[in-house]
Amino acid sequence: MRGLRFAGCCGIAQCSASGVSGTALYFLPRLLGLNAVKLMSATGPATNNRDRTRLGDFFEALVALSLQTYAAANDAQLSPFRDHDGRHEIDFVIHREDAEAVGIEVKLKSAITDQDVRHLLWLKESLPDQIVDLVVINTGTHAYRRQDGVAVIPLALLTA
């Protein structure tokens, strides 16, 4: 897509920037340094080095798998996005070649704040002719559109 540079793949042979395979999801706990004891521990949330919960990583992987399925069915690609200096990162962009695109953030929470959409709004401001919609996929119970135009869609409703 002209004007956008997508971040590279995770490095797994079966996983590519255009999608996440079942193999990648199978090896995800291993890649995150988790074993059966850590996954099943009820002593508190496990966190990784990026100050995110393990559950958030798994939620994002589940969203990626769902989005890849929908993108492939529509001859589109799903890619991560990071700007040239790394200050702005968007979880996913769905796009077709040089055509229009949709920016998507994934949040493991139900209430979405201005802080949660700041990178999406930056993307729309930077590429107004290419970005046709902005979406946050979350754990809420209902879909709505914020005053700034960002659609908030619970993962549970994504297939509805």
Protein backbone atom coordinates (compact mmCIF):
# COMPACT_ATOMS: atom_id res chain seq x y z
CA MET A 1 0.00 0.00 0.00
CA ARG A 2 1.47 3.31 -1.04
CA GLY A 3 2.55 5.48 1.89
CA LEU A 4 2.32 2.71 4.48
CA ARG A 5 5.10 0.46 5.73
CA PHE A 6 3.97 -2.70 7.41
CA ALA A 7 5.94 -4.27 10.22
CA GLY A 8 7.60 -7.59 9.54
CA CYS A 9 6.33 -11.01 10.40
CA CYS A 10 6.99 -12.79 13.67
CA GLY A 11 9.56 -15.05 11.97
CA ILE A 12 7.63 -18.31 12.16
CA ALA A 13 7.75 -20.09 8.81
CA GLN A 14 4.03 -20.87 8.89
CA CYS A 15 3.08 -17.33 9.89
CA SER A 16 3.24 -14.44 7.45
CA ALA A 17 2.31 -10.77 7.43
CA SER A 18 -0.76 -11.79 5.46
CA GLY A 19 -2.08 -14.07 8.18
CA VAL A 20 -1.67 -16.19 11.25
CA SER A 21 -1.76 -19.95 10.89
CA GLY A 22 -2.93 -22.56 13.36
CA THR A 23 0.73 -23.52 13.76
CA ALA A 24 1.57 -20.01 14.94
CA LEU A 25 -1.25 -20.10 17.48
CA TYR A 26 -0.11 -23.54 18.67
CA PHE A 27 3.40 -22.24 19.34
CA LEU A 28 2.28 -18.88 20.79
CA PRO A 29 2.50 -19.99 24.46
CA ARG A 30 6.01 -21.31 23.84
CA LEU A 31 7.06 -18.09 22.12
CA LEU A 32 5.74 -16.09 25.06
CA GLY A 33 7.78 -18.17 27.50
CA LEU A 34 4.76 -19.88 29.05
CA ASN A 35 4.44 -23.46 30.18
CA ALA A 36 1.43 -25.41 31.42
CA VAL A 37 2.00 -24.30 35.02
CA LYS A 38 2.18 -20.61 34.11
CA LEU A 39 -0.84 -20.83 31.82
CA MET A 40 -2.97 -22.54 34.46
CA SER A 41 -1.74 -20.54 37.46
CA ALA A 42 -4.48 -18.69 39.31
CA THR A 43 -2.09 -16.63 41.44
CA GLY A 44 -2.38 -13.55 39.27
CA PRO A 45 -2.10 -12.33 35.70
CA ALA A 46 1.11 -13.25 33.93
CA THR A 47 2.69 -10.31 32.18
CA ASN A 48 5.29 -10.02 29.48
CA ASN A 49 8.04 -7.47 29.00
CA ARG A 50 5.80 -4.99 27.18
CA ASP A 51 3.59 -4.45 30.23
CA ARG A 52 0.70 -6.34 28.67
CA THR A 53 -1.09 -9.35 30.08
CA ARG A 54 -0.67 -12.78 28.53
CA LEU A 55 -4.43 -12.87 28.15
CA GLY A 56 -4.19 -9.70 26.07
CA ASP A 57 -1.65 -11.38 23.79
CA PHE A 58 -3.96 -14.36 23.32
CA PHE A 59 -6.97 -12.09 22.74
CA GLU A 60 -5.04 -10.22 20.04
CA ALA A 61 -4.04 -13.52 18.42
CA LEU A 62 -7.68 -14.64 18.37
CA VAL A 63 -8.72 -11.35 16.78
CA ALA A 64 -5.91 -11.72 14.22
CA LEU A 65 -7.13 -15.18 13.26
CA SER A 66 -10.70 -13.91 12.85
CA LEU A 67 -9.67 -10.84 10.86
CA GLN A 68 -7.41 -12.90 8.59
CA THR A 69 -10.33 -15.18 7.80
CA TYR A 70 -12.56 -12.24 6.85
CA ALA A 71 -9.79 -10.48 4.91
CA ALA A 72 -8.95 -13.59 2.88
CA ALA A 73 -12.63 -14.10 2.03
CA ASN A 74 -12.63 -10.58 0.56
CA ASP A 75 -9.30 -10.79 -1.31
CA ALA A 76 -7.71 -8.42 1.19
CA GLN A 77 -4.60 -8.60 3.34
CA LEU A 78 -4.14 -8.21 7.08
CA SER A 79 -0.91 -6.53 8.16
CA PRO A 80 0.52 -4.92 11.29
CA PHE A 81 1.59 -1.28 10.92
CA ARG A 82 4.36 0.80 12.43
CA ASP A 83 5.50 4.20 11.19
CA HIS A 84 9.09 4.78 10.05
CA ASP A 85 10.36 5.94 13.45
CA GLY A 86 8.31 3.51 15.57
CA ARG A 87 6.29 6.15 17.43
CA HIS A 88 2.95 4.98 16.08
CA GLU A 89 1.81 1.39 15.93
CA ILE A 90 -1.51 0.05 14.73
CA ASP A 91 -2.36 -3.56 15.56
CA PHE A 92 -3.79 -4.34 12.11
CA VAL A 93 -4.57 -2.74 8.78
CA ILE A 94 -6.83 -4.52 6.32
CA HIS A 95 -6.06 -3.48 2.76
CA ARG A 96 -6.09 -4.46 -0.90
CA GLU A 97 -2.91 -3.55 -2.79
CA ASP A 98 -2.92 0.26 -3.21
CA ALA A 99 -6.62 0.59 -2.44
CA GLU A 100 -8.38 1.93 0.62
CA ALA A 101 -7.68 0.48 4.06
CA VAL A 102 -9.17 0.08 7.54
CA GLY A 103 -7.09 0.63 10.69
CA ILE A 104 -7.83 -1.72 13.59
CA GLU A 105 -6.74 -1.67 17.24
CA VAL A 106 -7.39 -4.53 19.67
CA LYS A 107 -8.09 -3.79 23.34
CA LEU A 108 -8.70 -6.32 26.09
CA LYS A 109 -11.21 -4.11 27.87
CA SER A 110 -14.76 -2.93 27.45
CA ALA A 111 -14.46 0.84 27.92
CA ILE A 112 -12.48 2.56 25.16
CA THR A 113 -10.79 5.88 25.95
CA ASP A 114 -9.24 8.67 23.86
CA GLN A 115 -5.83 7.21 24.74
CA ASP A 116 -6.84 3.89 23.14
CA VAL A 117 -7.64 5.47 19.76
CA ARG A 118 -4.85 8.06 19.49
CA HIS A 119 -2.77 6.02 17.01
CA LEU A 120 -5.81 5.28 14.87
CA LEU A 121 -6.67 8.97 14.69
CA TRP A 122 -3.05 9.76 13.78
CA LEU A 123 -3.25 7.19 10.96
CA LYS A 124 -6.42 8.76 9.54
CA GLU A 125 -4.90 12.24 9.79
CA SER A 126 -1.70 11.08 8.08
CA LEU A 127 -3.42 9.19 5.24
CA PRO A 128 -6.91 10.71 4.86
CA ASP A 129 -7.40 9.46 1.28
CA GLN A 130 -6.43 5.86 2.04
CA ILE A 131 -7.94 5.12 5.46
CA VAL A 132 -11.69 4.70 5.05
CA ASP A 133 -12.54 3.54 8.57
CA LEU A 134 -11.09 3.09 12.05
CA VAL A 135 -12.08 0.24 14.36
CA VAL A 136 -11.34 -0.87 17.91
CA ILE A 137 -12.17 -4.49 18.67
CA ASN A 138 -12.78 -4.97 22.38
CA THR A 139 -14.48 -7.14 25.00
CA GLY A 140 -17.59 -4.98 25.41
CA THR A 141 -21.21 -6.01 24.98
CA HIS A 142 -22.41 -3.63 22.27
CA ALA A 143 -21.06 -1.92 19.16
CA TYR A 144 -21.12 1.84 18.72
CA ARG A 145 -19.35 4.67 16.94
CA ARG A 146 -17.50 7.22 19.05
CA GLN A 147 -17.86 10.98 18.43
CA ASP A 148 -14.43 10.98 16.74
CA GLY A 149 -15.74 8.44 14.20
CA VAL A 150 -13.96 5.34 15.51
CA ALA A 151 -16.15 2.23 15.47
CA VAL A 152 -16.00 0.10 18.63
CA ILE A 153 -16.95 -3.53 18.02
CA PRO A 154 -16.84 -6.34 20.57
CA LEU A 155 -15.16 -9.48 19.25
CA ALA A 156 -18.27 -11.43 20.20
CA LEU A 157 -20.27 -9.35 17.68
CA LEU A 158 -17.70 -9.45 14.90
CA THR A 159 -19.28 -12.55 13.39
CA ALA A 160 -22.88 -11.40 13.90
